[in-house]
């Protein structure tokens, strides 16, 4: 018998959504906001494409750019470039 770690919760939305998808085929699964300015668009595309496949098309991906300026430097970014960066990364994700 496997012991469940009840005090741990994954910080990975794709892992969490994939797990939920194994238990339902009825509800639409959605992210809160996936930041297109601080996440790699290729990784976002790969991860959510896999979950979309695994769930049979139940994923609704919500994207945004983020507005907390103090967070951008953590990722080597500048909030003043937030809108152009979001547009560029969204275009890369779509490709």
Protein backbone atom coordinates (compact mmCIF):
# COMPACT_ATOMS: atom_id res chain seq x y z
CA UNK A 1 0.00 0.00 0.00
CA UNK A 2 1.35 3.41 -1.00
CA UNK A 3 1.34 6.15 1.61
CA UNK A 4 0.06 9.51 0.30
CA UNK A 5 1.99 12.64 1.21
CA UNK A 6 -0.93 14.87 2.13
CA UNK A 7 1.23 17.85 3.09
CA UNK A 8 2.73 18.12 -0.42
CA UNK A 9 1.11 19.72 -3.45
CA UNK A 10 2.78 20.08 -6.83
CA UNK A 11 3.58 23.59 -7.99
CA UNK A 12 3.45 22.36 -11.60
CA UNK A 13 0.06 23.13 -13.14
CA UNK A 14 0.59 20.68 -16.01
CA UNK A 15 1.35 17.82 -13.63
CA UNK A 16 -1.66 18.66 -11.49
CA UNK A 17 -3.99 18.98 -14.50
CA UNK A 18 -2.73 15.70 -15.98
CA UNK A 19 -3.47 13.94 -12.70
CA UNK A 20 -6.97 15.44 -12.51
CA UNK A 21 -7.58 14.46 -16.14
CA UNK A 22 -7.04 10.81 -15.23
CA UNK A 23 -10.10 11.03 -12.99
CA UNK A 24 -12.59 12.89 -15.17
CA UNK A 25 -13.68 13.08 -18.77
CA UNK A 26 -16.51 15.54 -18.23
CA UNK A 27 -15.21 18.80 -16.76
CA UNK A 28 -13.15 21.39 -18.61
CA UNK A 29 -9.74 21.84 -16.95
CA UNK A 30 -8.21 25.30 -16.87
CA UNK A 31 -5.11 27.09 -15.69
CA UNK A 32 -5.28 30.27 -13.70
CA UNK A 33 -2.79 32.47 -15.59
CA UNK A 34 0.26 31.15 -17.39
CA UNK A 35 2.69 34.04 -17.67
CA UNK A 36 3.99 34.39 -21.21
CA UNK A 37 6.67 36.87 -20.18
CA UNK A 38 8.51 34.73 -17.63
CA UNK A 39 7.94 31.24 -19.06
CA UNK A 40 9.63 29.72 -22.09
CA UNK A 41 6.93 29.61 -24.82
CA UNK A 42 8.29 26.38 -26.32
CA UNK A 43 8.12 24.63 -22.95
CA UNK A 44 4.60 25.97 -22.36
CA UNK A 45 3.52 24.70 -25.80
CA UNK A 46 5.08 21.26 -25.26
CA UNK A 47 3.72 20.82 -21.73
CA UNK A 48 0.17 21.90 -22.46
CA UNK A 49 0.04 20.04 -25.78
CA UNK A 50 0.89 16.85 -23.91
CA UNK A 51 -1.74 17.48 -21.23
CA UNK A 52 -4.27 18.38 -23.93
CA UNK A 53 -3.53 15.05 -25.62
CA UNK A 54 -3.62 13.08 -22.36
CA UNK A 55 -6.91 14.68 -21.29
CA UNK A 56 -8.67 14.20 -24.60
CA UNK A 57 -8.94 17.94 -25.22
CA UNK A 58 -10.15 19.09 -21.80
CA UNK A 59 -7.55 21.88 -21.27
CA UNK A 60 -8.29 25.59 -21.44
CA UNK A 61 -5.01 27.55 -21.26
CA UNK A 62 -5.26 31.08 -19.87
CA UNK A 63 -2.29 33.31 -20.67
CA UNK A 64 -1.19 36.69 -19.40
CA UNK A 65 1.87 38.92 -19.13
CA UNK A 66 2.07 39.65 -15.39
CA UNK A 67 2.15 43.11 -13.86
CA UNK A 68 4.39 42.71 -10.83
CA UNK A 69 7.49 44.62 -11.90
CA UNK A 70 9.70 43.35 -9.08
CA UNK A 71 9.38 39.75 -10.35
CA UNK A 72 10.68 40.37 -13.87
CA UNK A 73 14.38 40.69 -12.87
CA UNK A 74 14.22 37.22 -11.30
CA UNK A 75 13.90 35.95 -14.87
CA UNK A 76 16.35 38.42 -16.41
CA UNK A 77 13.50 40.52 -17.84
CA UNK A 78 12.37 44.16 -17.61
CA UNK A 79 8.67 44.94 -17.11
CA UNK A 80 8.99 47.86 -19.55
CA UNK A 81 9.33 45.18 -22.26
CA UNK A 82 6.39 43.16 -20.90
CA UNK A 83 3.88 43.79 -23.68
CA UNK A 84 6.28 43.23 -26.63
CA UNK A 85 7.72 40.16 -24.87
CA UNK A 86 4.25 38.72 -24.26
CA UNK A 87 3.32 39.27 -27.92
CA UNK A 88 6.57 37.69 -29.14
CA UNK A 89 6.28 34.68 -26.82
CA UNK A 90 2.61 34.17 -27.71
CA UNK A 91 3.53 34.17 -31.42
CA UNK A 92 6.27 31.60 -30.73
CA UNK A 93 3.81 29.44 -28.78
CA UNK A 94 1.28 29.57 -31.62
CA UNK A 95 3.96 28.55 -34.15
